[in-house]
Amino acid sequence: MTPNTLFAAPSRVKIKSTALVFTLLVIFTLILTACGGGNSTTSNTGSKAVLKVAAQSYDFAQSGFNPFNTHTNAGIQGLVYETLYFVNVNDGSFTPMLATDYKWNSDNTQVTFTMRQNVKWNDGKPFSADDVAFTFNMMKQFPAADSLGVWSFLKDVTAPDANTVVMTFQKAYPPVLVNIAGHVYIIPKHVFASVGDPTKFLTDHPVGTGPFTLTRYQPDLAVYDKNPSYWQAGRVKVDEIRFPEYKDNSTLQLALPKGDVDWAGYFTPTL
């Protein structure tokens, strides 16, 4: 079951959800298989494994790098931010990310998540259940941030201790867990508590728990370096991801065979 079958969502939300799923799949590929033997899709710069991904001009239209700002590119947010689980929409399986376990109560009106311990934000501060509760309650306070409409189902979200999050629902509807666990990026309370409306917050120094950290941003290039404090850093085999901008397909078509980029998605009119 996909998120779009759970909710009637505006087209913008559908696009963001699709980009999120694609990005998470890319990240899993980078973490679990990249440079893990056999043919590699990365190039070596000195001792670094660098992946060069072609970016379209709209990726750099406006800075922000905030998953709740509608102007930022949803397709690259998953490099920095993480969800509670990775949800495989093809088979319905849940892979633990920031949460390691969840349990429903007897009537499916409350779910309790256990948080992963020893996780840090990329600024060195510890991640805790308070960050998760803050993220969801912020979405309640600022409805524009709740693009998936999870508060149409939620009644209450609390963090009784540093490792536990309890979500209570207005009524039993377990399928909503796909969006709650797999499609809401968790943000740091210590950063967002003072910004007001999160949909208007712009930053070129995003703080997340994900495998990469944005280290350079300019109108024609974004560079992400491996996050050394990532909770499974040993499984991230790519040291750096570079997103150079290509304004048109013809330029990109020339760059690919020359090896200037390793990965690209673009329209070829002759195919």
Protein backbone atom coordinates (compact mmCIF):
# COMPACT_ATOMS: atom_id res chain seq x y z
CA MET A 1 0.00 0.00 0.00
CA THR A 2 1.43 3.35 -1.01
CA PRO A 3 0.90 6.69 0.77
CA ASN A 4 -1.21 7.95 -2.12
CA THR A 5 -3.76 5.20 -1.50
CA LEU A 6 -4.07 6.28 2.11
CA PHE A 7 -4.73 9.97 1.59
CA ALA A 8 -6.25 12.21 -1.02
CA ALA A 9 -3.31 14.56 -1.41
CA PRO A 10 -2.55 17.61 -3.55
CA SER A 11 -0.22 17.03 -6.48
CA ARG A 12 2.64 18.79 -4.67
CA VAL A 13 2.43 16.30 -1.83
CA LYS A 14 2.41 13.39 -4.26
CA ILE A 15 5.54 14.73 -5.92
CA LYS A 16 7.28 15.20 -2.58
CA SER A 17 6.29 11.70 -1.43
CA THR A 18 7.59 10.16 -4.64
CA ALA A 19 10.84 12.07 -4.32
CA LEU A 20 11.16 10.92 -0.72
CA VAL A 21 10.73 7.27 -1.63
CA PHE A 22 13.24 7.60 -4.49
CA THR A 23 15.78 9.35 -2.29
CA LEU A 24 15.51 6.77 0.47
CA LEU A 25 16.04 4.01 -2.08
CA VAL A 26 19.11 5.82 -3.40
CA ILE A 27 20.46 6.23 0.13
CA PHE A 28 19.94 2.55 0.89
CA THR A 29 21.84 1.75 -2.30
CA LEU A 30 24.68 4.05 -1.27
CA ILE A 31 24.84 2.68 2.27
CA LEU A 32 24.42 -1.01 1.58
CA THR A 33 25.92 -1.63 -1.85
CA ALA A 34 28.00 1.27 -3.17
CA CYS A 35 31.66 0.38 -3.62
CA GLY A 36 30.95 -2.91 -1.90
CA GLY A 37 32.73 -4.94 -4.56
CA GLY A 38 32.21 -5.47 -8.25
CA ASN A 39 31.57 -2.51 -10.49
CA SER A 40 31.39 0.89 -8.82
CA THR A 41 29.33 3.87 -9.89
CA THR A 42 31.61 6.29 -8.09
CA SER A 43 34.85 7.94 -9.11
CA ASN A 44 37.92 8.20 -6.94
CA THR A 45 39.34 11.62 -6.15
CA GLY A 46 42.55 10.86 -4.32
CA SER A 47 41.46 8.51 -1.56
CA LYS A 48 37.84 9.69 -1.70
CA ALA A 49 34.95 7.81 -3.26
CA VAL A 50 32.98 10.60 -4.92
CA LEU A 51 29.58 10.22 -6.56
CA LYS A 52 28.68 12.96 -9.05
CA VAL A 53 24.95 13.29 -9.64
CA ALA A 54 23.61 15.64 -12.30
CA ALA A 55 21.19 18.20 -10.92
CA GLN A 56 18.54 20.13 -12.81
CA SER A 57 18.42 23.91 -12.47
CA TYR A 58 15.31 23.82 -10.26
CA ASP A 59 17.31 21.99 -7.58
CA PHE A 60 19.17 25.24 -6.93
CA ALA A 61 16.33 27.71 -7.36
CA GLN A 62 16.23 28.51 -3.67
CA SER A 63 18.26 27.45 -0.68
CA GLY A 64 16.51 26.02 2.31
CA PHE A 65 17.37 22.37 2.96
CA ASN A 66 14.48 22.10 5.38
CA PRO A 67 12.05 19.20 4.84
CA PHE A 68 9.09 21.37 5.82
CA ASN A 69 9.86 24.21 3.43
CA THR A 70 7.92 23.67 0.21
CA HIS A 71 10.51 25.50 -1.92
CA THR A 72 13.33 23.08 -1.22
CA ASN A 73 14.05 19.95 -3.23
CA ALA A 74 12.41 16.99 -1.49
CA GLY A 75 14.52 14.61 -3.51
CA ILE A 76 17.75 15.29 -1.60
CA GLN A 77 16.44 15.83 1.93
CA GLY A 78 17.00 12.18 2.82
CA LEU A 79 20.74 12.62 2.56
CA VAL A 80 20.63 14.73 5.74
CA TYR A 81 17.38 13.85 7.51
CA GLU A 82 15.88 10.49 8.48
CA THR A 83 12.50 8.97 9.20
CA LEU A 84 11.60 6.55 11.98
CA TYR A 85 11.50 3.65 9.54
CA PHE A 86 12.23 2.99 5.90
CA VAL A 87 8.97 1.67 4.48
CA ASN A 88 9.15 -0.49 1.38
CA VAL A 89 5.93 0.40 -0.42
CA ASN A 90 6.24 -2.65 -2.65
CA ASP A 91 6.09 -5.31 0.04
CA GLY A 92 5.01 -3.27 3.09
CA SER A 93 8.12 -4.12 5.12
CA PHE A 94 9.49 -1.73 7.75
CA THR A 95 13.26 -1.34 8.22
CA PRO A 96 14.28 0.37 11.49
CA MET A 97 15.93 3.76 11.15
CA LEU A 98 15.61 6.25 14.03
CA ALA A 99 13.17 3.88 15.73
CA THR A 100 14.08 0.27 16.49
CA ASP A 101 10.67 -1.07 17.49
CA TYR A 102 6.98 -0.20 17.65
CA LYS A 103 4.01 -1.80 19.38
CA TRP A 104 0.28 -1.21 19.07
CA ASN A 105 -2.07 -1.38 22.03
CA SER A 106 -4.93 -3.89 22.05
CA ASP A 107 -7.40 -1.75 20.09
CA ASN A 108 -4.89 -0.14 17.69
CA THR A 109 -5.52 3.38 18.96
CA GLN A 110 -2.01 3.90 20.36
CA VAL A 111 1.45 3.01 19.12
CA THR A 112 4.65 3.13 21.15
CA PHE A 113 7.99 3.62 19.41
CA THR A 114 11.37 2.75 20.89
CA MET A 115 14.09 5.12 19.73
CA ARG A 116 17.52 4.10 18.55
CA GLN A 117 20.13 4.97 21.16
CA ASN A 118 23.51 6.64 20.68
CA VAL A 119 22.37 8.62 17.65
CA LYS A 120 23.75 12.13 17.16
CA TRP A 121 22.76 15.08 15.06
CA ASN A 122 25.48 16.15 12.66
CA ASP A 123 26.29 19.10 14.94
CA GLY A 124 27.27 16.63 17.68
CA LYS A 125 24.21 16.96 19.90
CA PRO A 126 22.36 13.80 20.97
CA PHE A 127 19.14 12.70 19.30
CA SER A 128 16.27 11.71 21.59
CA ALA A 129 12.55 10.99 21.69
CA ASP A 130 11.99 14.69 22.45
CA ASP A 131 13.03 15.50 18.88
CA VAL A 132 10.41 13.12 17.50
CA ALA A 133 7.62 14.44 19.71
CA PHE A 134 8.66 17.99 18.84
CA THR A 135 8.57 17.25 15.11
CA PHE A 136 5.02 15.93 15.18
CA ASN A 137 3.69 18.56 17.59
CA MET A 138 5.25 21.27 15.44
CA MET A 139 3.25 19.88 12.51
CA LYS A 140 0.12 20.22 14.64
CA GLN A 141 0.97 23.80 15.63
CA PHE A 142 1.72 24.77 12.02
CA PRO A 143 -0.75 22.83 9.82
CA ALA A 144 1.00 23.91 6.62
CA ALA A 145 3.89 21.67 7.69
CA ASP A 146 1.56 18.67 7.88
CA SER A 147 1.48 18.05 4.14
CA LEU A 148 0.58 14.38 4.64
CA GLY A 149 -2.34 15.15 6.94
CA VAL A 150 -1.20 12.90 9.78
CA TRP A 151 -2.97 15.08 12.35
CA SER A 152 -6.25 14.11 10.75
CA PHE A 153 -5.62 10.82 12.54
CA LEU A 154 -3.38 11.73 15.49
CA LYS A 155 -4.75 12.87 18.83
CA ASP A 156 -1.61 13.20 20.92
CA VAL A 157 2.17 12.66 20.67
CA THR A 158 4.34 12.51 23.79
CA ALA A 159 7.83 11.47 24.84
CA PRO A 160 7.55 9.96 28.34
CA ASP A 161 11.32 9.38 28.40
CA ALA A 162 14.37 9.90 26.20
CA ASN A 163 13.91 6.61 24.37
CA THR A 164 10.13 6.36 24.00
CA VAL A 165 7.49 8.09 21.88
CA VAL A 166 3.79 7.40 22.36
CA MET A 167 1.29 8.33 19.65
CA THR A 168 -2.43 8.23 20.38
CA PHE A 169 -4.96 8.23 17.55
CA GLN A 170 -8.47 9.59 17.26
CA LYS A 171 -9.57 6.16 16.11
CA ALA A 172 -7.99 2.91 15.02
CA TYR A 173 -6.45 3.12 11.56
CA PRO A 174 -3.12 1.20 11.42
CA PRO A 175 -2.37 1.98 7.72
CA VAL A 176 -1.54 5.57 8.69
CA LEU A 177 1.70 4.21 10.15
CA VAL A 178 3.14 4.14 6.63
CA ASN A 179 3.13 7.93 6.49
CA ILE A 180 3.94 8.53 10.15
CA ALA A 181 6.89 6.17 10.35
CA GLY A 182 8.14 6.28 6.79
CA HIS A 183 7.41 9.73 5.38
CA VAL A 184 7.99 12.30 8.14
CA TYR A 185 11.56 13.51 8.45
CA ILE A 186 12.56 14.06 12.07
CA ILE A 187 14.08 17.46 12.80
CA PRO A 188 16.20 18.69 15.74
CA LYS A 189 14.29 20.45 18.49
CA HIS A 190 17.34 22.50 19.48
CA VAL A 191 17.38 24.08 16.00
CA PHE A 192 13.70 24.42 15.11
CA ALA A 193 12.25 25.40 18.50
CA SER A 194 13.19 29.04 17.90
CA VAL A 195 12.39 29.44 14.19
CA GLY A 196 8.62 29.87 14.35
CA ASP A 197 6.80 28.65 11.24
CA PRO A 198 9.00 25.82 9.92
CA THR A 199 7.65 26.15 6.38
CA LYS A 200 9.34 29.57 6.13
CA PHE A 201 12.66 28.61 7.67
CA LEU A 202 15.65 28.64 5.29
CA THR A 203 19.10 27.32 6.09
CA ASP A 204 22.19 26.30 4.16
CA HIS A 205 23.50 24.43 7.21
CA PRO A 206 20.90 21.70 7.82
CA VAL A 207 21.25 19.66 11.00
CA GLY A 208 20.16 16.05 10.60
CA THR A 209 20.93 12.49 11.67
CA GLY A 210 21.40 11.15 8.13
CA PRO A 211 24.46 9.70 6.38
CA PHE A 212 25.59 12.97 4.78
CA THR A 213 26.20 16.58 5.77
CA LEU A 214 25.84 19.55 3.43
CA THR A 215 29.31 21.09 3.39
CA ARG A 216 29.12 23.41 0.40
CA TYR A 217 26.26 25.18 -1.33
CA GLN A 218 26.34 27.63 -4.21
CA PRO A 219 23.97 28.34 -7.11
CA ASP A 220 25.57 25.74 -9.39
CA LEU A 221 26.91 23.14 -6.96
CA ALA A 222 25.92 21.34 -3.77
CA VAL A 223 28.38 19.07 -1.98
CA TYR A 224 27.52 16.52 0.69
CA ASP A 225 30.22 14.79 2.71
CA LYS A 226 29.91 11.60 4.68
CA ASN A 227 28.66 12.26 8.21
CA PRO A 228 31.38 10.86 10.52
CA SER A 229 28.97 10.67 13.45
CA TYR A 230 26.30 8.74 11.55
CA TRP A 231 24.95 5.82 13.57
CA GLN A 232 25.93 3.35 10.85
CA ALA A 233 28.80 5.31 9.34
CA GLY A 234 30.77 2.15 8.63
CA ARG A 235 28.20 1.11 6.05
CA VAL A 236 28.33 4.34 4.07
CA LYS A 237 30.78 3.61 1.26
CA VAL A 238 30.56 6.95 -0.53
CA ASP A 239 32.66 9.74 0.96
CA GLU A 240 31.19 12.63 -1.00
CA ILE A 241 28.21 13.33 -3.25
CA ARG A 242 28.45 16.27 -5.62
CA PHE A 243 25.44 17.79 -7.37
CA PRO A 244 26.72 20.01 -10.22
CA GLU A 245 24.01 21.92 -12.05
CA TYR A 246 23.26 21.27 -15.71
CA LYS A 247 20.84 23.75 -17.24
CA ASP A 248 19.96 21.70 -20.31
CA ASN A 249 19.97 18.14 -21.58
CA SER A 250 22.46 18.73 -24.38
CA THR A 251 25.17 19.80 -21.93
CA LEU A 252 24.41 16.85 -19.71
CA GLN A 253 24.51 14.42 -22.62
CA LEU A 254 28.08 15.51 -23.29
CA ALA A 255 29.06 15.27 -19.63
CA LEU A 256 27.96 11.66 -19.14
CA PRO A 257 30.28 9.94 -21.65
CA LYS A 258 33.18 12.11 -20.50
CA GLY A 259 32.71 10.89 -16.93
CA ASP A 260 31.95 14.34 -15.56
CA VAL A 261 28.90 12.84 -13.86
CA ASP A 262 28.21 9.30 -12.68
CA TRP A 263 24.45 9.37 -12.34
CA ALA A 264 21.77 11.39 -14.08
CA GLY A 265 18.12 11.37 -14.99
CA TYR A 266 17.10 13.40 -18.00
CA PHE A 267 14.80 13.43 -21.01
CA THR A 268 16.20 12.18 -24.31
CA PRO A 269 13.86 13.18 -27.15
CA THR A 270 15.25 10.55 -29.54
CA LEU A 271 14.29 7.64 -27.28
